[in-house]
Amino acid sequence: MQFIKRYFLLTLLILLLLASSAAAMVKNLSPGEARELLRKNPQVYILDVRTLQEYQRSRLEGARLIPIDQIARRIGEVPSDRPILVYCAVGSRSSQVAGFLDRQNPGEIYNLFGGIWGWQLAGHPTQTGGP
């Protein structure tokens, strides 16, 4: 019985370490850090994973819309040779997509912590209207 408990705990520990190391590849950026990244590197691909309606209400300048429910089938539209900044409303959906992108093609992948809400609360500009 002790052997089974130890084996289970060791397996669980290994899985947790692997999961945390994979998640560590995606960096969460505050709105200020994200704005600075975009200022310094105009090649950053900005990926909005919200709905079309959310995108039309407010978005980051230059953002491309691929809703979270379409990302798997539209993965080919996301460049693998540029840094990627992913955002949503508050950071939950974008965190999931950033992890997915990192597993598909590890690279410079960033999640906008706080999403567009945090971006706007920090006083940074947004755009409105259709794509």
N, C-alpha and C. Protein backbone atom coordinates (compact mmCIF):
# COMPACT_ATOMS: atom_id res chain seq x y z
N MET A 1 0.81 -1.19 0.00
CA MET A 1 0.00 0.00 0.00
C MET A 1 0.87 1.27 0.00
N GLN A 2 1.92 1.28 0.81
CA GLN A 2 2.82 2.43 0.86
C GLN A 2 3.46 2.68 -0.50
N PHE A 3 3.82 1.60 -1.19
CA PHE A 3 4.44 1.72 -2.51
C PHE A 3 3.48 2.42 -3.47
N ILE A 4 2.21 2.05 -3.44
CA ILE A 4 1.21 2.64 -4.34
C ILE A 4 1.05 4.12 -4.03
N LYS A 5 0.98 4.48 -2.75
CA LYS A 5 0.87 5.89 -2.37
C LYS A 5 2.07 6.69 -2.85
N ARG A 6 3.26 6.15 -2.63
CA ARG A 6 4.48 6.86 -3.05
C ARG A 6 4.54 6.99 -4.56
N TYR A 7 4.18 5.93 -5.27
CA TYR A 7 4.18 5.96 -6.73
C TYR A 7 3.18 7.01 -7.23
N PHE A 8 2.00 7.02 -6.63
CA PHE A 8 0.98 7.98 -7.01
C PHE A 8 1.45 9.41 -6.76
N LEU A 9 2.01 9.66 -5.59
CA LEU A 9 2.49 11.00 -5.26
C LEU A 9 3.64 11.44 -6.17
N LEU A 10 4.54 10.51 -6.46
CA LEU A 10 5.65 10.84 -7.35
C LEU A 10 5.14 11.15 -8.76
N THR A 11 4.20 10.36 -9.24
CA THR A 11 3.61 10.60 -10.57
C THR A 11 2.90 11.95 -10.60
N LEU A 12 2.14 12.25 -9.56
CA LEU A 12 1.44 13.52 -9.48
C LEU A 12 2.42 14.69 -9.47
N LEU A 13 3.49 14.56 -8.72
CA LEU A 13 4.50 15.61 -8.65
C LEU A 13 5.14 15.84 -10.02
N ILE A 14 5.46 14.78 -10.71
CA ILE A 14 6.06 14.90 -12.04
C ILE A 14 5.10 15.59 -13.00
N LEU A 15 3.83 15.20 -12.97
CA LEU A 15 2.84 15.83 -13.85
C LEU A 15 2.67 17.31 -13.54
N LEU A 16 2.66 17.65 -12.26
CA LEU A 16 2.55 19.06 -11.89
C LEU A 16 3.76 19.86 -12.35
N LEU A 17 4.93 19.29 -12.22
CA LEU A 17 6.14 19.98 -12.67
C LEU A 17 6.14 20.17 -14.18
N LEU A 18 5.71 19.15 -14.91
CA LEU A 18 5.64 19.27 -16.37
C LEU A 18 4.62 20.32 -16.78
N ALA A 19 3.47 20.33 -16.12
CA ALA A 19 2.44 21.31 -16.46
C ALA A 19 2.90 22.72 -16.15
N SER A 20 3.56 22.91 -15.03
CA SER A 20 4.00 24.26 -14.69
C SER A 20 5.14 24.73 -15.59
N SER A 21 6.00 23.82 -16.02
CA SER A 21 7.08 24.24 -16.91
C SER A 21 6.54 24.58 -18.29
N ALA A 22 5.50 23.89 -18.74
CA ALA A 22 4.89 24.22 -20.03
C ALA A 22 4.20 25.57 -19.94
N ALA A 23 3.50 25.81 -18.83
CA ALA A 23 2.80 27.08 -18.67
C ALA A 23 3.78 28.24 -18.53
N ALA A 24 4.96 27.96 -18.05
CA ALA A 24 5.94 29.03 -17.84
C ALA A 24 6.45 29.61 -19.15
N MET A 25 6.24 28.93 -20.25
CA MET A 25 6.70 29.41 -21.54
C MET A 25 5.87 30.60 -22.02
N VAL A 26 4.63 30.71 -21.56
CA VAL A 26 3.77 31.82 -21.90
C VAL A 26 3.95 32.86 -20.81
N LYS A 27 4.27 34.07 -21.21
CA LYS A 27 4.50 35.13 -20.23
C LYS A 27 3.27 36.02 -20.13
N ASN A 28 2.79 36.23 -18.91
CA ASN A 28 1.70 37.18 -18.68
C ASN A 28 2.30 38.58 -18.63
N LEU A 29 1.68 39.49 -19.39
CA LEU A 29 2.13 40.88 -19.40
C LEU A 29 1.03 41.77 -18.85
N SER A 30 1.42 42.73 -18.05
CA SER A 30 0.48 43.76 -17.60
C SER A 30 0.15 44.63 -18.82
N PRO A 31 -0.91 45.42 -18.74
CA PRO A 31 -1.19 46.33 -19.85
C PRO A 31 -0.01 47.25 -20.19
N GLY A 32 0.68 47.75 -19.18
CA GLY A 32 1.83 48.61 -19.44
C GLY A 32 2.96 47.88 -20.13
N GLU A 33 3.23 46.64 -19.69
CA GLU A 33 4.28 45.84 -20.33
C GLU A 33 3.90 45.49 -21.77
N ALA A 34 2.62 45.18 -21.99
CA ALA A 34 2.16 44.85 -23.34
C ALA A 34 2.28 46.07 -24.26
N ARG A 35 1.91 47.21 -23.75
CA ARG A 35 2.01 48.43 -24.58
C ARG A 35 3.47 48.70 -24.95
N GLU A 36 4.36 48.51 -23.99
CA GLU A 36 5.79 48.72 -24.24
C GLU A 36 6.31 47.71 -25.27
N LEU A 37 5.87 46.46 -25.16
CA LEU A 37 6.26 45.44 -26.14
C LEU A 37 5.83 45.85 -27.54
N LEU A 38 4.59 46.30 -27.66
CA LEU A 38 4.07 46.71 -28.97
C LEU A 38 4.79 47.94 -29.50
N ARG A 39 5.18 48.84 -28.61
CA ARG A 39 5.92 50.03 -29.03
C ARG A 39 7.30 49.65 -29.55
N LYS A 40 7.95 48.74 -28.85
CA LYS A 40 9.31 48.35 -29.22
C LYS A 40 9.37 47.42 -30.42
N ASN A 41 8.33 46.62 -30.62
CA ASN A 41 8.37 45.62 -31.68
C ASN A 41 7.07 45.64 -32.49
N PRO A 42 7.03 46.37 -33.59
CA PRO A 42 5.82 46.43 -34.41
C PRO A 42 5.50 45.12 -35.12
N GLN A 43 6.38 44.14 -35.05
CA GLN A 43 6.14 42.84 -35.69
C GLN A 43 5.28 41.90 -34.84
N VAL A 44 4.95 42.31 -33.62
CA VAL A 44 4.13 41.46 -32.75
C VAL A 44 2.78 41.24 -33.40
N TYR A 45 2.38 39.96 -33.46
CA TYR A 45 1.06 39.59 -33.97
C TYR A 45 0.09 39.68 -32.81
N ILE A 46 -0.94 40.52 -32.94
CA ILE A 46 -1.91 40.73 -31.86
C ILE A 46 -3.15 39.89 -32.17
N LEU A 47 -3.43 38.94 -31.29
CA LEU A 47 -4.52 37.99 -31.50
C LEU A 47 -5.62 38.20 -30.48
N ASP A 48 -6.80 38.57 -30.96
CA ASP A 48 -8.00 38.74 -30.14
C ASP A 48 -8.81 37.46 -30.23
N VAL A 49 -9.10 36.82 -29.10
CA VAL A 49 -9.80 35.54 -29.12
C VAL A 49 -11.24 35.65 -28.60
N ARG A 50 -11.77 36.88 -28.60
CA ARG A 50 -13.14 37.10 -28.14
C ARG A 50 -14.13 36.86 -29.29
N THR A 51 -15.37 37.22 -29.08
CA THR A 51 -16.39 37.10 -30.12
C THR A 51 -16.31 38.31 -31.05
N LEU A 52 -16.96 38.21 -32.19
CA LEU A 52 -17.01 39.33 -33.14
C LEU A 52 -17.64 40.56 -32.50
N GLN A 53 -18.70 40.37 -31.73
CA GLN A 53 -19.37 41.50 -31.08
C GLN A 53 -18.43 42.21 -30.10
N GLU A 54 -17.69 41.45 -29.32
CA GLU A 54 -16.74 42.05 -28.38
C GLU A 54 -15.65 42.81 -29.13
N TYR A 55 -15.16 42.19 -30.20
CA TYR A 55 -14.11 42.79 -31.03
C TYR A 55 -14.57 44.12 -31.61
N GLN A 56 -15.82 44.18 -32.06
CA GLN A 56 -16.34 45.41 -32.66
C GLN A 56 -16.52 46.53 -31.64
N ARG A 57 -16.80 46.17 -30.39
CA ARG A 57 -16.97 47.19 -29.33
C ARG A 57 -15.67 47.88 -28.98
N SER A 58 -14.60 47.10 -28.86
CA SER A 58 -13.29 47.68 -28.56
C SER A 58 -12.22 46.63 -28.80
N ARG A 59 -11.10 47.09 -29.37
CA ARG A 59 -10.00 46.18 -29.67
C ARG A 59 -8.69 46.95 -29.70
N LEU A 60 -7.61 46.21 -29.61
CA LEU A 60 -6.28 46.81 -29.75
C LEU A 60 -6.03 47.09 -31.23
N GLU A 61 -5.37 48.18 -31.49
CA GLU A 61 -5.04 48.53 -32.86
C GLU A 61 -4.19 47.43 -33.49
N GLY A 62 -4.59 47.00 -34.68
CA GLY A 62 -3.85 45.98 -35.40
C GLY A 62 -4.19 44.55 -35.02
N ALA A 63 -5.16 44.37 -34.13
CA ALA A 63 -5.52 43.02 -33.67
C ALA A 63 -6.24 42.23 -34.76
N ARG A 64 -5.95 40.94 -34.79
CA ARG A 64 -6.63 40.00 -35.68
C ARG A 64 -7.59 39.18 -34.83
N LEU A 65 -8.79 38.97 -35.33
CA LEU A 65 -9.80 38.23 -34.59
C LEU A 65 -9.83 36.77 -35.01
N ILE A 66 -9.59 35.90 -34.06
CA ILE A 66 -9.84 34.46 -34.22
C ILE A 66 -10.47 34.02 -32.90
N PRO A 67 -11.82 33.93 -32.86
CA PRO A 67 -12.48 33.54 -31.61
C PRO A 67 -11.95 32.21 -31.07
N ILE A 68 -11.99 32.07 -29.76
CA ILE A 68 -11.43 30.90 -29.10
C ILE A 68 -12.01 29.60 -29.66
N ASP A 69 -13.29 29.60 -30.04
CA ASP A 69 -13.89 28.37 -30.55
C ASP A 69 -13.48 28.05 -31.98
N GLN A 70 -12.68 28.92 -32.61
CA GLN A 70 -12.21 28.68 -33.98
C GLN A 70 -10.70 28.49 -34.07
N ILE A 71 -10.00 28.65 -32.95
CA ILE A 71 -8.54 28.68 -33.00
C ILE A 71 -7.94 27.37 -33.51
N ALA A 72 -8.48 26.24 -33.12
CA ALA A 72 -7.90 24.96 -33.54
C ALA A 72 -7.94 24.79 -35.05
N ARG A 73 -9.05 25.16 -35.67
CA ARG A 73 -9.15 24.97 -37.13
C ARG A 73 -8.50 26.10 -37.93
N ARG A 74 -8.22 27.24 -37.27
CA ARG A 74 -7.61 28.37 -37.97
C ARG A 74 -6.17 28.61 -37.53
N ILE A 75 -5.56 27.61 -36.91
CA ILE A 75 -4.20 27.74 -36.39
C ILE A 75 -3.21 28.16 -37.48
N GLY A 76 -3.46 27.80 -38.71
CA GLY A 76 -2.58 28.15 -39.82
C GLY A 76 -2.51 29.65 -40.08
N GLU A 77 -3.47 30.41 -39.58
CA GLU A 77 -3.48 31.86 -39.76
C GLU A 77 -2.55 32.58 -38.77
N VAL A 78 -2.14 31.86 -37.74
CA VAL A 78 -1.29 32.46 -36.71
C VAL A 78 0.17 32.23 -37.09
N PRO A 79 0.93 33.29 -37.25
CA PRO A 79 2.33 33.13 -37.66
C PRO A 79 3.17 32.44 -36.59
N SER A 80 4.13 31.67 -37.04
CA SER A 80 5.02 30.98 -36.09
C SER A 80 6.39 31.65 -36.01
N ASP A 81 6.58 32.70 -36.81
CA ASP A 81 7.89 33.35 -36.86
C ASP A 81 7.89 34.76 -36.26
N ARG A 82 6.84 35.08 -35.50
CA ARG A 82 6.73 36.40 -34.87
C ARG A 82 6.25 36.23 -33.43
N PRO A 83 6.57 37.19 -32.58
CA PRO A 83 5.99 37.16 -31.23
C PRO A 83 4.47 37.32 -31.34
N ILE A 84 3.74 36.73 -30.40
CA ILE A 84 2.29 36.77 -30.41
C ILE A 84 1.80 37.30 -29.07
N LEU A 85 0.92 38.29 -29.11
CA LEU A 85 0.25 38.80 -27.92
C LEU A 85 -1.22 38.40 -28.03
N VAL A 86 -1.69 37.58 -27.10
CA VAL A 86 -3.06 37.09 -27.11
C VAL A 86 -3.85 37.83 -26.03
N TYR A 87 -5.07 38.23 -26.37
CA TYR A 87 -5.91 38.87 -25.35
C TYR A 87 -7.38 38.53 -25.55
N CYS A 88 -8.12 38.71 -24.47
CA CYS A 88 -9.57 38.54 -24.48
C CYS A 88 -10.15 39.64 -23.60
N ALA A 89 -11.26 39.39 -22.94
CA ALA A 89 -11.87 40.42 -22.10
C ALA A 89 -11.07 40.65 -20.82
N VAL A 90 -10.77 39.57 -20.09
CA VAL A 90 -10.06 39.72 -18.81
C VAL A 90 -8.82 38.85 -18.67
N GLY A 91 -8.58 37.97 -19.62
CA GLY A 91 -7.36 37.17 -19.60
C GLY A 91 -7.54 35.67 -19.47
N SER A 92 -8.75 35.21 -19.25
CA SER A 92 -8.99 33.77 -19.05
C SER A 92 -8.93 33.00 -20.38
N ARG A 93 -9.71 33.43 -21.35
CA ARG A 93 -9.70 32.75 -22.66
C ARG A 93 -8.34 32.88 -23.32
N SER A 94 -7.75 34.05 -23.22
CA SER A 94 -6.45 34.26 -23.88
C SER A 94 -5.36 33.40 -23.24
N SER A 95 -5.46 33.18 -21.95
CA SER A 95 -4.49 32.32 -21.27
C SER A 95 -4.57 30.90 -21.82
N GLN A 96 -5.78 30.41 -22.03
CA GLN A 96 -5.98 29.08 -22.60
C GLN A 96 -5.41 29.00 -24.01
N VAL A 97 -5.70 30.01 -24.83
CA VAL A 97 -5.23 30.01 -26.21
C VAL A 97 -3.71 30.15 -26.25
N ALA A 98 -3.15 30.98 -25.41
CA ALA A 98 -1.69 31.15 -25.38
C ALA A 98 -1.02 29.82 -25.05
N GLY A 99 -1.56 29.09 -24.09
CA GLY A 99 -1.01 27.77 -23.76
C GLY A 99 -1.13 26.81 -24.92
N PHE A 100 -2.26 26.84 -25.61
CA PHE A 100 -2.47 25.99 -26.78
C PHE A 100 -1.46 26.33 -27.87
N LEU A 101 -1.27 27.61 -28.14
CA LEU A 101 -0.31 28.04 -29.17
C LEU A 101 1.10 27.61 -28.80
N ASP A 102 1.44 27.73 -27.54
CA ASP A 102 2.77 27.34 -27.08
C ASP A 102 3.01 25.84 -27.27
N ARG A 103 1.98 25.05 -27.05
CA ARG A 103 2.12 23.60 -27.26
C ARG A 103 2.24 23.25 -28.74
N GLN A 104 1.60 24.04 -29.61
CA GLN A 104 1.64 23.78 -31.05
C GLN A 104 2.98 24.19 -31.64
N ASN A 105 3.45 25.37 -31.22
CA ASN A 105 4.67 25.92 -31.80
C ASN A 105 5.30 26.88 -30.79
N PRO A 106 6.10 26.36 -29.88
CA PRO A 106 6.68 27.22 -28.85
C PRO A 106 7.45 28.39 -29.45
N GLY A 107 7.30 29.51 -28.85
CA GLY A 107 7.99 30.72 -29.30
C GLY A 107 7.70 31.83 -28.32
N GLU A 108 7.78 33.05 -28.79
CA GLU A 108 7.46 34.20 -27.94
C GLU A 108 5.96 34.39 -27.93
N ILE A 109 5.32 33.90 -26.88
CA ILE A 109 3.87 34.01 -26.75
C ILE A 109 3.56 34.70 -25.43
N TYR A 110 2.74 35.75 -25.54
CA TYR A 110 2.40 36.56 -24.38
C TYR A 110 0.89 36.60 -24.19
N ASN A 111 0.47 36.64 -22.94
CA ASN A 111 -0.93 36.78 -22.58
C ASN A 111 -1.11 38.14 -21.93
N LEU A 112 -2.09 38.91 -22.40
CA LEU A 112 -2.39 40.21 -21.80
C LEU A 112 -3.18 39.97 -20.52
N PHE A 113 -2.50 40.05 -19.40
CA PHE A 113 -3.11 39.83 -18.09
C PHE A 113 -4.10 40.94 -17.80
N GLY A 114 -5.33 40.58 -17.51
CA GLY A 114 -6.38 41.58 -17.30
C GLY A 114 -7.16 41.88 -18.57
N GLY A 115 -6.68 41.35 -19.70
CA GLY A 115 -7.38 41.51 -20.97
C GLY A 115 -7.58 42.96 -21.37
N ILE A 116 -8.54 43.15 -22.27
CA ILE A 116 -8.80 44.50 -22.76
C ILE A 116 -9.40 45.38 -21.67
N TRP A 117 -10.04 44.77 -20.68
CA TRP A 117 -10.57 45.55 -19.56
C TRP A 117 -9.42 46.23 -18.81
N GLY A 118 -8.39 45.45 -18.52
CA GLY A 118 -7.22 46.01 -17.85
C GLY A 118 -6.53 47.05 -18.71
N TRP A 119 -6.46 46.78 -20.01
CA TRP A 119 -5.86 47.71 -20.97
C TRP A 119 -6.58 49.06 -20.91
N GLN A 120 -7.91 49.01 -20.96
CA GLN A 120 -8.70 50.24 -20.95
C GLN A 120 -8.62 50.93 -19.58
N LEU A 121 -8.65 50.15 -18.51
CA LEU A 121 -8.53 50.76 -17.18
C LEU A 121 -7.20 51.48 -16.99
N ALA A 122 -6.18 51.01 -17.70
CA ALA A 122 -4.87 51.67 -17.64
C ALA A 122 -4.83 52.92 -18.52
N GLY A 123 -5.92 53.17 -19.25
CA GLY A 123 -6.00 54.38 -20.06
C GLY A 123 -5.39 54.24 -21.45
N HIS A 124 -5.13 53.01 -21.89
CA HIS A 124 -4.54 52.82 -23.21
C HIS A 124 -5.63 52.87 -24.29
N PRO A 125 -5.28 53.31 -25.48
CA PRO A 125 -6.28 53.50 -26.54
C PRO A 125 -6.78 52.18 -27.14
N THR A 126 -8.02 52.23 -27.62
CA THR A 126 -8.61 51.10 -28.34
C THR A 126 -9.29 51.61 -29.60
N GLN A 127 -9.67 50.70 -30.45
CA GLN A 127 -10.43 51.02 -31.65
C GLN A 127 -11.79 50.37 -31.55
N THR A 128 -12.74 50.82 -32.37
CA THR A 128 -14.06 50.23 -32.43
C THR A 128 -14.43 49.96 -33.89
N GLY A 129 -15.51 49.23 -34.09
CA GLY A 129 -16.00 48.96 -35.43
C GLY A 129 -15.56 47.62 -35.96
N GLY A 130 -15.92 47.37 -37.22
CA GLY A 130 -15.65 46.09 -37.85
C GLY A 130 -14.19 45.86 -38.18
N PRO A 131 -13.91 44.62 -38.51
CA PRO A 131 -12.52 44.27 -38.85
C PRO A 131 -12.02 44.93 -40.12
